[in-house]
Amino acid sequence: MGNIIKSTEEVVSCSDNGQHPLVYINLKPGFGQCQYCGQRFEKTTAETAQTEQTTAA
């Protein structure tokens, strides 16, 4: 998986749409990766998320 999923939450979950067991990933360090599918996650602030959403539109 090449996309990085950005979240304002400190903990996210991943199951790859039911393809592997549900796991929770701690983003307190600023980033994390699923041990099963390799999906990467990045913690972002609400302000950064809003700016990126506006820029993409």
N, C-alpha and C. Protein backbone atom coordinates (compact mmCIF):
# COMPACT_ATOMS: atom_id res chain seq x y z
N MET A 1 0.85 -1.19 0.00
CA MET A 1 0.00 0.00 0.00
C MET A 1 0.89 1.24 0.00
N GLY A 2 0.63 2.14 -0.89
CA GLY A 2 1.47 3.30 -1.01
C GLY A 2 0.92 4.55 -0.34
N ASN A 3 -0.37 4.57 -0.06
CA ASN A 3 -0.98 5.76 0.52
C ASN A 3 -0.76 5.80 2.02
N ILE A 4 -0.56 7.01 2.53
CA ILE A 4 -0.47 7.22 3.97
C ILE A 4 -1.81 7.80 4.40
N ILE A 5 -2.44 7.17 5.37
CA ILE A 5 -3.72 7.65 5.88
C ILE A 5 -3.43 8.61 7.02
N LYS A 6 -3.96 9.81 6.92
CA LYS A 6 -3.75 10.83 7.95
C LYS A 6 -4.94 10.86 8.88
N SER A 7 -4.67 11.02 10.18
CA SER A 7 -5.73 11.01 11.19
C SER A 7 -5.40 12.01 12.28
N THR A 8 -6.44 12.62 12.83
CA THR A 8 -6.25 13.50 13.98
C THR A 8 -6.32 12.71 15.28
N GLU A 9 -6.67 11.43 15.21
CA GLU A 9 -6.77 10.58 16.40
C GLU A 9 -5.39 10.05 16.79
N GLU A 10 -5.21 9.74 18.09
CA GLU A 10 -3.94 9.18 18.55
C GLU A 10 -3.88 7.67 18.37
N VAL A 11 -5.04 7.04 18.22
CA VAL A 11 -5.10 5.59 18.00
C VAL A 11 -6.04 5.32 16.83
N VAL A 12 -5.57 4.54 15.87
CA VAL A 12 -6.39 4.17 14.71
C VAL A 12 -6.48 2.64 14.65
N SER A 13 -7.44 2.14 13.86
CA SER A 13 -7.57 0.70 13.71
C SER A 13 -7.40 0.33 12.24
N CYS A 14 -7.00 -0.92 12.02
CA CYS A 14 -6.83 -1.42 10.65
C CYS A 14 -7.23 -2.88 10.62
N SER A 15 -7.99 -3.26 9.60
CA SER A 15 -8.31 -4.67 9.35
C SER A 15 -8.21 -4.98 7.86
N ASP A 16 -7.80 -3.99 7.06
CA ASP A 16 -7.71 -4.13 5.61
C ASP A 16 -9.00 -4.70 5.05
N ASN A 17 -10.11 -4.08 5.45
CA ASN A 17 -11.45 -4.50 5.03
C ASN A 17 -11.73 -5.97 5.33
N GLY A 18 -11.31 -6.41 6.51
CA GLY A 18 -11.58 -7.78 6.94
C GLY A 18 -10.57 -8.80 6.45
N GLN A 19 -9.51 -8.36 5.82
CA GLN A 19 -8.50 -9.28 5.29
C GLN A 19 -7.53 -9.80 6.34
N HIS A 20 -7.47 -9.13 7.49
CA HIS A 20 -6.64 -9.60 8.59
C HIS A 20 -7.29 -9.20 9.91
N PRO A 21 -6.81 -9.72 11.04
CA PRO A 21 -7.42 -9.37 12.33
C PRO A 21 -7.37 -7.86 12.58
N LEU A 22 -8.36 -7.36 13.28
CA LEU A 22 -8.42 -5.95 13.63
C LEU A 22 -7.30 -5.63 14.61
N VAL A 23 -6.51 -4.62 14.29
CA VAL A 23 -5.43 -4.18 15.17
C VAL A 23 -5.58 -2.68 15.41
N TYR A 24 -5.09 -2.23 16.54
CA TYR A 24 -5.08 -0.82 16.89
C TYR A 24 -3.64 -0.33 16.84
N ILE A 25 -3.46 0.85 16.26
CA ILE A 25 -2.12 1.39 16.05
C ILE A 25 -2.02 2.73 16.76
N ASN A 26 -1.01 2.86 17.61
CA ASN A 26 -0.77 4.07 18.38
C ASN A 26 -0.02 5.08 17.51
N LEU A 27 -0.60 6.28 17.36
CA LEU A 27 0.04 7.32 16.56
C LEU A 27 0.66 8.41 17.42
N LYS A 28 0.81 8.18 18.72
CA LYS A 28 1.41 9.20 19.59
C LYS A 28 2.80 9.61 19.12
N PRO A 29 3.62 8.70 18.56
CA PRO A 29 4.93 9.12 18.05
C PRO A 29 4.82 9.99 16.79
N GLY A 30 3.62 10.07 16.20
CA GLY A 30 3.42 10.87 15.00
C GLY A 30 3.13 10.02 13.78
N PHE A 31 3.41 8.72 13.86
CA PHE A 31 3.17 7.83 12.73
C PHE A 31 3.08 6.40 13.24
N GLY A 32 2.60 5.51 12.38
CA GLY A 32 2.52 4.09 12.71
C GLY A 32 2.26 3.28 11.46
N GLN A 33 2.42 1.96 11.59
CA GLN A 33 2.23 1.08 10.44
C GLN A 33 1.59 -0.22 10.90
N CYS A 34 0.66 -0.73 10.10
CA CYS A 34 -0.01 -1.99 10.40
C CYS A 34 0.97 -3.14 10.26
N GLN A 35 1.02 -4.01 11.27
CA GLN A 35 1.94 -5.14 11.24
C GLN A 35 1.53 -6.22 10.25
N TYR A 36 0.27 -6.22 9.82
CA TYR A 36 -0.21 -7.24 8.89
C TYR A 36 -0.10 -6.81 7.43
N CYS A 37 -0.67 -5.65 7.10
CA CYS A 37 -0.73 -5.26 5.69
C CYS A 37 0.25 -4.15 5.32
N GLY A 38 0.88 -3.54 6.31
CA GLY A 38 1.87 -2.50 6.02
C GLY A 38 1.29 -1.12 5.78
N GLN A 39 -0.03 -0.97 5.92
CA GLN A 39 -0.65 0.34 5.73
C GLN A 39 -0.01 1.33 6.70
N ARG A 40 0.34 2.51 6.19
CA ARG A 40 0.98 3.53 7.03
C ARG A 40 -0.04 4.59 7.43
N PHE A 41 0.10 5.08 8.64
CA PHE A 41 -0.77 6.10 9.20
C PHE A 41 0.09 7.23 9.75
N GLU A 42 -0.43 8.45 9.66
CA GLU A 42 0.28 9.62 10.17
C GLU A 42 -0.68 10.47 10.98
N LYS A 43 -0.23 10.90 12.15
CA LYS A 43 -1.05 11.78 12.99
C LYS A 43 -0.91 13.20 12.47
N THR A 44 -2.02 13.87 12.35
CA THR A 44 -2.02 15.25 11.89
C THR A 44 -2.92 16.08 12.80
N THR A 45 -2.74 17.37 12.80
CA THR A 45 -3.59 18.24 13.60
C THR A 45 -4.85 18.57 12.81
N ALA A 46 -5.87 19.03 13.48
CA ALA A 46 -7.12 19.40 12.80
C ALA A 46 -6.85 20.54 11.82
N GLU A 47 -5.97 21.47 12.18
CA GLU A 47 -5.67 22.61 11.30
C GLU A 47 -4.97 22.13 10.03
N THR A 48 -4.03 21.20 10.16
CA THR A 48 -3.32 20.67 9.00
C THR A 48 -4.27 19.91 8.10
N ALA A 49 -5.16 19.11 8.68
CA ALA A 49 -6.12 18.34 7.90
C ALA A 49 -7.03 19.27 7.11
N GLN A 50 -7.48 20.35 7.72
CA GLN A 50 -8.35 21.31 7.05
C GLN A 50 -7.61 21.98 5.89
N THR A 51 -6.35 22.35 6.10
CA THR A 51 -5.55 23.00 5.05
C THR A 51 -5.35 22.05 3.88
N GLU A 52 -5.02 20.78 4.15
CA GLU A 52 -4.78 19.81 3.09
C GLU A 52 -6.07 19.54 2.31
N GLN A 53 -7.19 19.51 3.01
CA GLN A 53 -8.47 19.27 2.36
C GLN A 53 -8.82 20.43 1.43
N THR A 54 -8.56 21.66 1.86
CA THR A 54 -8.84 22.84 1.05
C THR A 54 -7.92 22.88 -0.16
N THR A 55 -6.65 22.53 0.03
CA THR A 55 -5.68 22.55 -1.06
C THR A 55 -6.01 21.52 -2.12
N ALA A 56 -6.52 20.36 -1.71
CA ALA A 56 -6.83 19.28 -2.65
C ALA A 56 -8.08 19.58 -3.48
N ALA A 57 -8.94 20.44 -3.00
CA ALA A 57 -10.21 20.69 -3.68
C ALA A 57 -10.06 21.57 -4.90
